Protein backbone atom coordinates (compact mmCIF):
# COMPACT_ATOMS: atom_id res chain seq x y z
CA MET A 1 -111.36 169.57 6.43
CA GLU A 2 -108.95 171.41 4.19
CA VAL A 3 -108.41 174.95 4.51
CA ARG A 4 -107.33 176.55 1.00
CA ALA A 5 -105.94 179.70 -0.36
CA GLU A 6 -108.34 181.90 -2.37
CA LEU A 7 -105.41 184.04 -4.04
CA THR A 8 -101.94 183.17 -5.16
CA ALA A 9 -99.62 185.17 -2.32
CA THR A 10 -97.08 184.81 0.13
CA VAL A 11 -97.65 184.01 3.85
CA TRP A 12 -97.05 186.41 5.77
CA LYS A 13 -97.42 185.29 9.31
CA VAL A 14 -98.85 182.16 10.63
CA VAL A 15 -101.04 183.15 13.45
CA VAL A 16 -101.87 179.23 14.84
CA GLU A 17 -99.63 176.36 15.79
CA GLN A 18 -100.17 172.43 14.78
CA GLY A 19 -102.49 171.33 17.62
CA ALA A 20 -104.46 174.23 18.62
CA THR A 21 -107.81 174.98 18.90
CA VAL A 22 -110.02 176.98 17.09
CA ALA A 23 -113.20 178.59 16.71
CA GLU A 24 -114.89 179.76 13.42
CA GLY A 25 -114.04 182.90 12.26
CA ASP A 26 -110.54 182.61 13.91
CA GLU A 27 -107.17 183.75 11.94
CA LEU A 28 -104.69 180.71 10.70
CA VAL A 29 -102.71 182.68 8.85
CA ILE A 30 -102.09 185.88 6.86
CA LEU A 31 -101.40 186.44 3.22
CA GLU A 32 -99.62 189.28 1.69
CA SER A 33 -100.52 190.01 -1.70
CA MET A 34 -99.94 193.32 -3.59
CA LYS A 35 -99.49 194.87 -0.10
CA MET A 36 -102.23 193.59 1.52
CA GLU A 37 -103.11 191.46 4.14
CA ILE A 38 -105.69 189.22 3.45
CA PRO A 39 -106.28 186.58 6.87
CA VAL A 40 -107.30 183.24 6.04
CA VAL A 41 -110.43 181.93 8.54
CA ALA A 42 -111.27 178.65 10.10
CA PRO A 43 -114.23 178.01 8.55
CA LEU A 44 -115.36 175.94 11.41
CA ALA A 45 -114.17 175.13 14.76
CA GLY A 46 -111.84 172.16 15.50
CA THR A 47 -108.69 171.32 16.21
CA VAL A 48 -105.32 172.23 13.87
CA LYS A 49 -104.66 168.96 12.70
CA GLU A 50 -101.56 170.12 9.83
CA LEU A 51 -100.03 173.35 9.15
CA CYS A 52 -99.07 172.96 5.50
CA VAL A 53 -97.41 176.71 5.22
CA GLY A 54 -94.57 178.68 6.85
CA GLU A 55 -93.77 182.27 7.04
CA GLU A 56 -92.63 183.74 3.65
CA ASP A 57 -93.89 180.80 1.44
CA ARG A 58 -95.31 181.56 -1.89
CA ILE A 59 -98.76 179.60 -2.72
CA SER A 60 -101.33 179.45 -5.67
CA GLU A 61 -104.92 179.81 -5.38
CA GLY A 62 -106.45 176.44 -4.04
CA ASP A 63 -103.49 175.21 -1.96
CA VAL A 64 -103.80 173.77 1.15
CA VAL A 65 -102.98 176.09 3.68
CA ALA A 66 -103.95 173.90 7.22
CA VAL A 67 -106.47 171.04 7.63
CA ILE A 68 -108.77 170.97 10.57
CA ASP A 69 -110.09 168.38 12.59
CA PRO A 70 -114.07 169.26 13.27
CA SER A 71 -114.86 169.11 16.95
């Protein structure tokens, strides 16, 4: 499942690594927009198959942040 950004922002921090096991609601990355920190969370439990962003990347609304393989 692709996890997409809900807004245009800068990736402030990458919280998980590729291959990590996550639970529904776990933070994947933290975005920064207009001096606010916005977490992007896992919509389901699984394994992070791919991280598509890195710290300080500029992303747009709808960009893929990560891909999670459901468990």
